[in-house]
């Protein structure tokens, strides 16, 4: 499995490397997720493995707002993943349109990000919810929480902990 982690990291950083796996018959689910993420990051939402939607769609870089908007239209279940990317990229208008709950991990990401979206997401008057499970890299049923900041792998620290954040260990 350790070798797969290196392959996955290569996929996240290199589109041609990701495309080289499209002809392979049997691929690990984590590799499919990484390929899909790489396609999204390259503004291509015709993702090859729609059954393996990625959790991390904002690393190693964010993509254009149109791509995230179209991704939401096709895959509304990625709403919180897209909201996180909006917080990082400062796409406030799209973030508003998503009409999401005040989520602890998004607030943590917004706290460490400069821009207009930060003030929008850091609304401490609203009840706080946990929707994104960073340790399992998945979206969970919303539950109200009392603390403001979650266990979040913020993008500014992601370079050092890439494999863990993407749910690959």
N, C-alpha and C. Protein backbone atom coordinates (compact mmCIF):
# COMPACT_ATOMS: atom_id res chain seq x y z
N UNK A 1 0.82 -1.20 0.00
CA UNK A 1 0.00 0.00 0.00
C UNK A 1 0.86 1.26 0.00
N UNK A 2 2.05 1.17 0.58
CA UNK A 2 2.94 2.34 0.59
C UNK A 2 3.28 2.78 -0.83
N UNK A 3 3.51 1.81 -1.74
CA UNK A 3 3.81 2.16 -3.13
C UNK A 3 2.64 2.89 -3.77
N UNK A 4 1.42 2.50 -3.42
CA UNK A 4 0.23 3.16 -3.96
C UNK A 4 0.20 4.63 -3.54
N UNK A 5 0.69 4.94 -2.35
CA UNK A 5 0.71 6.33 -1.89
C UNK A 5 1.59 7.20 -2.78
N UNK A 6 2.71 6.66 -3.23
CA UNK A 6 3.58 7.42 -4.13
C UNK A 6 2.91 7.61 -5.49
N UNK A 7 2.24 6.58 -5.96
CA UNK A 7 1.51 6.67 -7.23
C UNK A 7 0.42 7.73 -7.12
N UNK A 8 -0.32 7.70 -6.02
CA UNK A 8 -1.40 8.66 -5.82
C UNK A 8 -0.87 10.09 -5.77
N UNK A 9 0.22 10.29 -5.07
CA UNK A 9 0.81 11.63 -5.02
C UNK A 9 1.23 12.08 -6.41
N UNK A 10 1.81 11.19 -7.19
CA UNK A 10 2.19 11.52 -8.56
C UNK A 10 0.99 11.90 -9.41
N UNK A 11 -0.13 11.20 -9.20
CA UNK A 11 -1.36 11.50 -9.94
C UNK A 11 -1.85 12.90 -9.60
N UNK A 12 -1.84 13.25 -8.32
CA UNK A 12 -2.31 14.58 -7.91
C UNK A 12 -1.48 15.69 -8.54
N UNK A 13 -0.21 15.42 -8.82
CA UNK A 13 0.67 16.47 -9.34
C UNK A 13 0.84 16.45 -10.86
N UNK A 14 0.43 15.38 -11.55
CA UNK A 14 0.74 15.27 -12.97
C UNK A 14 -0.42 14.67 -13.74
N UNK A 15 -1.04 15.46 -14.60
CA UNK A 15 -2.19 15.02 -15.38
C UNK A 15 -1.83 13.88 -16.34
N UNK A 16 -0.69 13.97 -17.01
CA UNK A 16 -0.31 12.90 -17.93
C UNK A 16 -0.12 11.58 -17.20
N UNK A 17 0.45 11.64 -16.02
CA UNK A 17 0.61 10.43 -15.21
C UNK A 17 -0.76 9.88 -14.84
N UNK A 18 -1.70 10.75 -14.48
CA UNK A 18 -3.06 10.31 -14.16
C UNK A 18 -3.72 9.65 -15.36
N UNK A 19 -3.56 10.26 -16.53
CA UNK A 19 -4.17 9.71 -17.75
C UNK A 19 -3.59 8.34 -18.11
N UNK A 20 -2.35 8.09 -17.73
CA UNK A 20 -1.72 6.81 -18.08
C UNK A 20 -2.42 5.63 -17.41
N UNK A 21 -3.22 5.88 -16.39
CA UNK A 21 -3.92 4.80 -15.69
C UNK A 21 -5.31 4.52 -16.26
N UNK A 22 -5.77 5.32 -17.20
CA UNK A 22 -7.12 5.16 -17.72
C UNK A 22 -7.33 3.86 -18.48
N UNK A 23 -6.27 3.30 -19.02
CA UNK A 23 -6.39 2.04 -19.76
C UNK A 23 -6.20 0.80 -18.88
N UNK A 24 -5.82 1.01 -17.64
CA UNK A 24 -5.59 -0.11 -16.72
C UNK A 24 -6.94 -0.69 -16.32
N UNK A 25 -7.05 -2.02 -16.36
CA UNK A 25 -8.33 -2.69 -16.08
C UNK A 25 -8.70 -2.67 -14.60
N UNK A 26 -7.75 -2.98 -13.74
CA UNK A 26 -8.05 -3.09 -12.32
C UNK A 26 -7.26 -2.02 -11.56
N UNK A 27 -7.99 -1.07 -10.98
CA UNK A 27 -7.36 0.06 -10.29
C UNK A 27 -7.92 0.14 -8.88
N UNK A 28 -7.04 0.40 -7.92
CA UNK A 28 -7.48 0.62 -6.54
C UNK A 28 -8.42 1.83 -6.49
N UNK A 29 -9.39 1.78 -5.58
CA UNK A 29 -10.33 2.89 -5.46
C UNK A 29 -9.62 4.21 -5.14
N UNK A 30 -8.60 4.17 -4.28
CA UNK A 30 -7.87 5.40 -3.94
C UNK A 30 -7.19 6.01 -5.17
N UNK A 31 -6.75 5.17 -6.08
CA UNK A 31 -6.14 5.66 -7.32
C UNK A 31 -7.21 6.30 -8.20
N UNK A 32 -8.39 5.68 -8.27
CA UNK A 32 -9.50 6.27 -9.03
C UNK A 32 -9.87 7.65 -8.48
N UNK A 33 -9.94 7.75 -7.17
CA UNK A 33 -10.26 9.02 -6.52
C UNK A 33 -9.23 10.08 -6.90
N UNK A 34 -7.96 9.71 -6.85
CA UNK A 34 -6.89 10.66 -7.19
C UNK A 34 -6.97 11.09 -8.66
N UNK A 35 -7.26 10.15 -9.55
CA UNK A 35 -7.40 10.49 -10.97
C UNK A 35 -8.54 11.48 -11.16
N UNK A 36 -9.68 11.21 -10.52
CA UNK A 36 -10.82 12.13 -10.62
C UNK A 36 -10.46 13.51 -10.09
N UNK A 37 -9.76 13.56 -8.97
CA UNK A 37 -9.35 14.85 -8.39
C UNK A 37 -8.44 15.59 -9.36
N UNK A 38 -7.50 14.88 -9.96
CA UNK A 38 -6.57 15.52 -10.91
C UNK A 38 -7.33 16.10 -12.10
N UNK A 39 -8.32 15.36 -12.61
CA UNK A 39 -9.12 15.87 -13.72
C UNK A 39 -9.85 17.15 -13.31
N UNK A 40 -10.46 17.14 -12.14
CA UNK A 40 -11.18 18.32 -11.65
C UNK A 40 -10.24 19.50 -11.51
N UNK A 41 -9.09 19.27 -10.90
CA UNK A 41 -8.11 20.34 -10.70
C UNK A 41 -7.66 20.92 -12.04
N UNK A 42 -7.73 20.13 -13.10
CA UNK A 42 -7.37 20.60 -14.44
C UNK A 42 -8.58 21.12 -15.22
N UNK A 43 -9.64 21.48 -14.50
CA UNK A 43 -10.86 22.04 -15.11
C UNK A 43 -11.57 21.07 -16.04
N UNK A 44 -11.46 19.79 -15.78
CA UNK A 44 -12.13 18.78 -16.59
C UNK A 44 -13.08 18.01 -15.68
N UNK A 45 -14.37 18.24 -15.85
CA UNK A 45 -15.32 17.57 -14.95
C UNK A 45 -15.98 16.35 -15.59
N UNK A 46 -15.47 15.92 -16.72
CA UNK A 46 -15.91 14.64 -17.25
C UNK A 46 -15.02 13.57 -16.61
N UNK A 47 -15.25 13.36 -15.33
CA UNK A 47 -14.36 12.50 -14.56
C UNK A 47 -14.56 11.04 -14.96
N UNK A 48 -13.47 10.30 -15.06
CA UNK A 48 -13.52 8.94 -15.59
C UNK A 48 -14.16 7.91 -14.66
N UNK A 49 -14.17 8.15 -13.36
CA UNK A 49 -14.70 7.17 -12.41
C UNK A 49 -15.73 7.85 -11.50
N UNK A 50 -16.95 8.09 -11.99
CA UNK A 50 -17.94 8.83 -11.19
C UNK A 50 -18.36 8.11 -9.91
N UNK A 51 -18.08 6.85 -9.80
CA UNK A 51 -18.40 6.11 -8.58
C UNK A 51 -17.38 6.36 -7.47
N UNK A 52 -16.29 7.03 -7.78
CA UNK A 52 -15.21 7.29 -6.82
C UNK A 52 -14.93 8.79 -6.74
N UNK A 53 -15.86 9.53 -6.17
CA UNK A 53 -15.72 10.98 -6.09
C UNK A 53 -14.67 11.37 -5.07
N UNK A 54 -13.85 12.35 -5.38
CA UNK A 54 -12.76 12.74 -4.47
C UNK A 54 -13.24 13.62 -3.32
N UNK A 55 -12.54 13.53 -2.22
CA UNK A 55 -12.78 14.40 -1.06
C UNK A 55 -12.01 15.71 -1.23
N UNK A 56 -10.79 15.61 -1.70
CA UNK A 56 -9.91 16.77 -1.83
C UNK A 56 -9.90 17.24 -3.29
N UNK A 57 -10.54 18.40 -3.55
CA UNK A 57 -10.60 18.93 -4.92
C UNK A 57 -9.99 20.33 -5.00
N UNK A 58 -9.07 20.59 -4.08
CA UNK A 58 -8.45 21.93 -4.06
C UNK A 58 -6.94 21.83 -3.86
N UNK A 59 -6.37 20.69 -4.13
CA UNK A 59 -4.94 20.50 -3.92
C UNK A 59 -4.37 19.68 -5.07
N UNK A 60 -3.25 20.02 -5.63
CA UNK A 60 -2.26 20.99 -5.19
C UNK A 60 -2.60 22.44 -5.53
N UNK A 61 -3.69 22.67 -6.25
CA UNK A 61 -4.12 24.04 -6.50
C UNK A 61 -5.63 24.04 -6.68
N UNK A 62 -6.23 25.21 -6.53
CA UNK A 62 -7.66 25.33 -6.79
C UNK A 62 -7.87 25.52 -8.28
N UNK A 63 -9.05 25.25 -8.72
CA UNK A 63 -9.38 25.41 -10.13
C UNK A 63 -10.28 26.64 -10.29
N UNK A 64 -10.79 26.88 -11.47
CA UNK A 64 -11.59 28.08 -11.69
C UNK A 64 -13.00 27.91 -11.11
N UNK A 65 -13.62 29.04 -10.82
CA UNK A 65 -14.94 29.03 -10.19
C UNK A 65 -15.98 28.32 -11.06
N UNK A 66 -15.89 28.50 -12.37
CA UNK A 66 -16.84 27.85 -13.28
C UNK A 66 -16.79 26.33 -13.12
N UNK A 67 -15.60 25.79 -12.99
CA UNK A 67 -15.46 24.34 -12.84
C UNK A 67 -16.15 23.86 -11.58
N UNK A 68 -15.95 24.56 -10.46
CA UNK A 68 -16.61 24.17 -9.21
C UNK A 68 -18.13 24.31 -9.32
N UNK A 69 -18.59 25.34 -10.00
CA UNK A 69 -20.03 25.54 -10.18
C UNK A 69 -20.63 24.39 -10.99
N UNK A 70 -19.97 24.05 -12.08
CA UNK A 70 -20.45 22.96 -12.93
C UNK A 70 -20.34 21.62 -12.20
N UNK A 71 -19.31 21.45 -11.42
CA UNK A 71 -19.14 20.23 -10.63
C UNK A 71 -20.31 20.08 -9.65
N UNK A 72 -20.71 21.18 -9.02
CA UNK A 72 -21.85 21.15 -8.10
C UNK A 72 -23.14 20.80 -8.84
N UNK A 73 -23.30 21.32 -10.04
CA UNK A 73 -24.50 21.01 -10.83
C UNK A 73 -24.57 19.51 -11.12
N UNK A 74 -23.45 18.91 -11.44
CA UNK A 74 -23.43 17.48 -11.78
C UNK A 74 -23.37 16.57 -10.56
N UNK A 75 -22.67 17.03 -9.52
CA UNK A 75 -22.47 16.20 -8.32
C UNK A 75 -22.79 17.02 -7.07
N UNK A 76 -24.06 17.25 -6.79
CA UNK A 76 -24.42 18.08 -5.62
C UNK A 76 -23.93 17.50 -4.29
N UNK A 77 -23.66 16.22 -4.26
CA UNK A 77 -23.14 15.61 -3.03
C UNK A 77 -21.74 16.12 -2.67
N UNK A 78 -21.08 16.80 -3.59
CA UNK A 78 -19.76 17.39 -3.33
C UNK A 78 -19.85 18.83 -2.81
N UNK A 79 -21.03 19.23 -2.36
CA UNK A 79 -21.27 20.61 -1.94
C UNK A 79 -20.25 21.10 -0.91
N UNK A 80 -19.97 20.32 0.12
CA UNK A 80 -19.03 20.79 1.15
C UNK A 80 -17.59 20.77 0.66
N UNK A 81 -17.26 19.83 -0.19
CA UNK A 81 -15.93 19.80 -0.78
C UNK A 81 -15.71 21.05 -1.65
N UNK A 82 -16.75 21.41 -2.39
CA UNK A 82 -16.69 22.60 -3.23
C UNK A 82 -16.63 23.86 -2.37
N UNK A 83 -17.40 23.87 -1.29
CA UNK A 83 -17.38 25.02 -0.37
C UNK A 83 -15.98 25.22 0.21
N UNK A 84 -15.31 24.14 0.52
CA UNK A 84 -13.95 24.24 1.04
C UNK A 84 -13.02 24.86 -0.01
N UNK A 85 -13.15 24.40 -1.25
CA UNK A 85 -12.35 24.98 -2.33
C UNK A 85 -12.67 26.46 -2.50
N UNK A 86 -13.95 26.83 -2.36
CA UNK A 86 -14.35 28.23 -2.46
C UNK A 86 -13.72 29.07 -1.35
N UNK A 87 -13.63 28.51 -0.16
CA UNK A 87 -13.01 29.23 0.96
C UNK A 87 -11.53 29.49 0.66
N UNK A 88 -10.87 28.50 0.11
CA UNK A 88 -9.44 28.62 -0.19
C UNK A 88 -9.20 29.60 -1.34
N UNK A 89 -10.05 29.52 -2.38
CA UNK A 89 -9.86 30.34 -3.58
C UNK A 89 -10.53 31.71 -3.49
N UNK A 90 -11.28 31.94 -2.42
CA UNK A 90 -12.01 33.20 -2.21
C UNK A 90 -13.09 33.40 -3.27
N UNK A 91 -13.86 32.35 -3.54
CA UNK A 91 -15.00 32.41 -4.45
C UNK A 91 -16.26 32.62 -3.61
N UNK A 92 -16.45 33.83 -3.14
CA UNK A 92 -17.53 34.12 -2.20
C UNK A 92 -18.91 33.92 -2.81
N UNK A 93 -19.11 34.35 -4.05
CA UNK A 93 -20.43 34.25 -4.67
C UNK A 93 -20.88 32.79 -4.74
N UNK A 94 -20.03 31.92 -5.21
CA UNK A 94 -20.40 30.51 -5.28
C UNK A 94 -20.61 29.93 -3.89
N UNK A 95 -19.79 30.33 -2.95
CA UNK A 95 -19.94 29.87 -1.57
C UNK A 95 -21.32 30.26 -1.03
N UNK A 96 -21.77 31.47 -1.33
CA UNK A 96 -23.11 31.91 -0.92
C UNK A 96 -24.20 31.07 -1.56
N UNK A 97 -24.03 30.77 -2.84
CA UNK A 97 -25.04 30.00 -3.58
C UNK A 97 -25.19 28.58 -3.04
N UNK A 98 -24.14 28.04 -2.47
CA UNK A 98 -24.20 26.67 -1.96
C UNK A 98 -25.10 26.56 -0.73
N UNK A 99 -25.27 27.66 -0.01
CA UNK A 99 -26.17 27.71 1.15
C UNK A 99 -25.90 26.56 2.12
N UNK A 100 -24.68 26.49 2.59
CA UNK A 100 -24.25 25.39 3.45
C UNK A 100 -24.43 25.74 4.92
N UNK A 101 -24.40 24.71 5.76
CA UNK A 101 -24.39 24.91 7.20
C UNK A 101 -23.04 25.49 7.61
N UNK A 102 -23.00 26.17 8.74
CA UNK A 102 -21.72 26.63 9.29
C UNK A 102 -20.95 25.40 9.73
N UNK A 103 -19.91 25.07 9.02
CA UNK A 103 -19.19 23.81 9.23
C UNK A 103 -17.83 24.08 9.84
N UNK A 104 -17.46 23.32 10.85
CA UNK A 104 -16.23 23.58 11.61
C UNK A 104 -14.98 23.56 10.75
N UNK A 105 -14.84 22.60 9.87
CA UNK A 105 -13.63 22.50 9.06
C UNK A 105 -13.55 23.63 8.03
N UNK A 106 -14.69 24.02 7.48
CA UNK A 106 -14.69 25.16 6.55
C UNK A 106 -14.31 26.44 7.27
N UNK A 107 -14.80 26.59 8.49
CA UNK A 107 -14.44 27.79 9.26
C UNK A 107 -12.95 27.80 9.58
N UNK A 108 -12.41 26.65 9.90
CA UNK A 108 -10.98 26.58 10.18
C UNK A 108 -10.18 26.96 8.94
N UNK A 109 -10.57 26.42 7.79
CA UNK A 109 -9.91 26.75 6.53
C UNK A 109 -10.02 28.25 6.25
N UNK A 110 -11.23 28.79 6.45
CA UNK A 110 -11.45 30.22 6.22
C UNK A 110 -10.61 31.08 7.16
N UNK A 111 -10.45 30.62 8.37
CA UNK A 111 -9.67 31.37 9.36
C UNK A 111 -8.23 31.57 8.90
N UNK A 112 -7.67 30.57 8.24
CA UNK A 112 -6.28 30.63 7.79
C UNK A 112 -6.14 31.15 6.36
N UNK A 113 -7.24 31.60 5.77
CA UNK A 113 -7.23 32.10 4.40
C UNK A 113 -7.56 33.58 4.40
N UNK A 114 -6.82 34.36 3.63
CA UNK A 114 -7.15 35.77 3.49
C UNK A 114 -8.20 35.92 2.39
N UNK A 115 -9.06 36.90 2.54
CA UNK A 115 -10.03 37.17 1.48
C UNK A 115 -11.42 37.43 2.02
N UNK A 116 -12.33 37.76 1.11
CA UNK A 116 -13.70 38.10 1.46
C UNK A 116 -14.51 36.91 1.96
N UNK A 117 -14.23 35.74 1.46
CA UNK A 117 -14.99 34.56 1.86
C UNK A 117 -14.76 34.27 3.33
N UNK A 118 -13.61 34.65 3.82
CA UNK A 118 -13.28 34.41 5.23
C UNK A 118 -14.34 35.02 6.14
N UNK A 119 -14.66 36.29 5.94
CA UNK A 119 -15.64 36.95 6.81
C UNK A 119 -17.02 36.34 6.64
N UNK A 120 -17.34 35.86 5.45
CA UNK A 120 -18.63 35.22 5.22
C UNK A 120 -18.75 33.90 5.98
N UNK A 121 -17.71 33.10 5.95
CA UNK A 121 -17.75 31.79 6.61
C UNK A 121 -17.57 31.88 8.11
N UNK A 122 -16.88 32.90 8.58
CA UNK A 122 -16.62 33.02 10.02
C UNK A 122 -17.75 33.75 10.73
N UNK A 123 -18.96 33.28 10.55
CA UNK A 123 -20.12 33.86 11.21
C UNK A 123 -20.37 33.08 12.50
N UNK A 124 -19.88 33.61 13.60
CA UNK A 124 -19.94 32.89 14.87
C UNK A 124 -21.31 32.96 15.52
N UNK A 125 -22.25 33.70 14.93
CA UNK A 125 -23.59 33.79 15.48
C UNK A 125 -24.44 32.57 15.12
N UNK A 126 -24.05 31.84 14.10
CA UNK A 126 -24.81 30.67 13.67
C UNK A 126 -24.41 29.44 14.48
N UNK A 127 -25.33 28.47 14.61
CA UNK A 127 -24.93 27.20 15.22
C UNK A 127 -23.85 26.53 14.36
N UNK A 128 -22.97 25.80 14.99
CA UNK A 128 -21.85 25.17 14.29
C UNK A 128 -22.15 23.68 14.08
N UNK A 129 -21.76 23.17 12.91
CA UNK A 129 -22.00 21.77 12.58
C UNK A 129 -20.70 21.10 12.15
N UNK A 130 -20.66 19.80 12.34
CA UNK A 130 -19.58 18.98 11.80
C UNK A 130 -20.17 18.18 10.65
N UNK A 131 -19.66 18.40 9.46
CA UNK A 131 -20.16 17.72 8.26
C UNK A 131 -19.03 16.97 7.56
N UNK A 132 -17.82 17.51 7.64
CA UNK A 132 -16.67 16.91 6.96
C UNK A 132 -15.81 16.17 7.99
N UNK A 133 -15.57 14.90 7.74
CA UNK A 133 -14.71 14.10 8.62
C UNK A 133 -13.32 14.04 8.01
N UNK A 134 -12.42 14.84 8.54
CA UNK A 134 -11.07 14.94 7.99
C UNK A 134 -10.28 13.64 8.15
N UNK A 135 -10.52 12.92 9.22
CA UNK A 135 -9.74 11.70 9.45
C UNK A 135 -10.13 10.58 8.50
N UNK A 136 -11.40 10.51 8.15
CA UNK A 136 -11.86 9.49 7.21
C UNK A 136 -11.98 10.02 5.78
N UNK A 137 -11.78 11.33 5.62
CA UNK A 137 -11.89 11.99 4.31
C UNK A 137 -13.25 11.70 3.67
N UNK A 138 -14.31 12.03 4.42
CA UNK A 138 -15.65 11.81 3.90
C UNK A 138 -16.63 12.82 4.48
N UNK A 139 -17.77 12.93 3.82
CA UNK A 139 -18.86 13.78 4.30
C UNK A 139 -19.76 12.91 5.16
N UNK A 140 -20.13 13.43 6.33
CA UNK A 140 -20.96 12.66 7.27
C UNK A 140 -22.29 13.38 7.49
N UNK A 141 -23.22 12.73 8.16
CA UNK A 141 -24.47 13.39 8.51
C UNK A 141 -24.17 14.56 9.43
N UNK A 142 -24.75 15.73 9.16
CA UNK A 142 -24.45 16.91 9.99
C UNK A 142 -24.84 16.69 11.44
N UNK A 143 -23.97 17.12 12.33
CA UNK A 143 -24.30 17.11 13.76
C UNK A 143 -23.84 18.42 14.35
N UNK A 144 -24.66 18.98 15.23
CA UNK A 144 -24.32 20.25 15.84
C UNK A 144 -23.22 20.04 16.87
N UNK A 145 -22.27 20.97 16.89
CA UNK A 145 -21.15 20.89 17.82
C UNK A 145 -21.03 22.21 18.57
N UNK A 146 -20.32 22.19 19.68
CA UNK A 146 -20.18 23.39 20.49
C UNK A 146 -18.88 24.14 20.22
N UNK A 147 -17.87 23.47 19.72
CA UNK A 147 -16.60 24.15 19.45
C UNK A 147 -16.62 24.74 18.05
N UNK A 148 -15.75 25.70 17.81
CA UNK A 148 -15.75 26.39 16.53
C UNK A 148 -14.80 25.81 15.50
N UNK A 149 -13.75 25.16 15.93
CA UNK A 149 -12.77 24.69 14.97
C UNK A 149 -12.60 23.18 15.06
N UNK A 150 -12.59 22.54 13.91
CA UNK A 150 -12.50 21.10 13.85
C UNK A 150 -11.09 20.60 13.68
N UNK A 151 -10.97 19.33 13.49
CA UNK A 151 -9.69 18.67 13.22
C UNK A 151 -9.47 18.80 11.71
N UNK A 152 -8.87 19.89 11.30
CA UNK A 152 -8.80 20.23 9.88
C UNK A 152 -7.37 20.22 9.38
N UNK A 153 -7.17 19.58 8.25
CA UNK A 153 -5.87 19.64 7.57
C UNK A 153 -5.95 20.79 6.58
N UNK A 154 -5.58 21.99 7.02
CA UNK A 154 -5.72 23.16 6.16
C UNK A 154 -4.71 23.11 5.02
N UNK A 155 -5.09 23.70 3.91
CA UNK A 155 -4.27 23.60 2.70
C UNK A 155 -2.88 24.17 2.86
N UNK A 156 -2.72 25.18 3.70
CA UNK A 156 -1.39 25.76 3.86
C UNK A 156 -0.42 24.78 4.51
N UNK A 157 -0.93 23.78 5.21
CA UNK A 157 -0.08 22.77 5.83
C UNK A 157 -0.08 21.46 5.06
N UNK A 158 -0.83 21.42 3.98
CA UNK A 158 -1.06 20.17 3.27
C UNK A 158 0.17 19.57 2.61
N UNK A 159 1.08 20.39 2.13
CA UNK A 159 2.30 19.89 1.48
C UNK A 159 3.00 18.86 2.34
N UNK A 160 3.06 19.12 3.64
CA UNK A 160 3.80 18.24 4.54
C UNK A 160 3.05 16.95 4.85
N UNK A 161 1.72 17.00 4.81
CA UNK A 161 0.90 15.86 5.22
C UNK A 161 -0.05 15.42 4.12
N UNK A 162 0.38 15.46 2.88
CA UNK A 162 -0.47 15.21 1.73
C UNK A 162 -1.22 13.89 1.80
N UNK A 163 -0.54 12.82 2.03
CA UNK A 163 -1.15 11.49 1.97
C UNK A 163 -2.20 11.33 3.05
N UNK A 164 -1.93 11.79 4.25
CA UNK A 164 -2.88 11.67 5.35
C UNK A 164 -4.15 12.47 5.04
N UNK A 165 -4.02 13.69 4.56
CA UNK A 165 -5.18 14.54 4.30
C UNK A 165 -6.10 13.93 3.27
N UNK A 166 -5.57 13.37 2.24
CA UNK A 166 -6.40 12.84 1.17
C UNK A 166 -7.01 11.50 1.53
N UNK A 167 -6.86 11.06 2.76
CA UNK A 167 -7.48 9.84 3.23
C UNK A 167 -6.84 8.59 2.66
N UNK A 168 -5.57 8.63 2.45
CA UNK A 168 -4.91 7.52 1.77
C UNK A 168 -4.16 6.59 2.69
N UNK A 169 -4.05 6.91 3.96
CA UNK A 169 -3.35 6.01 4.88
C UNK A 169 -4.32 5.20 5.70
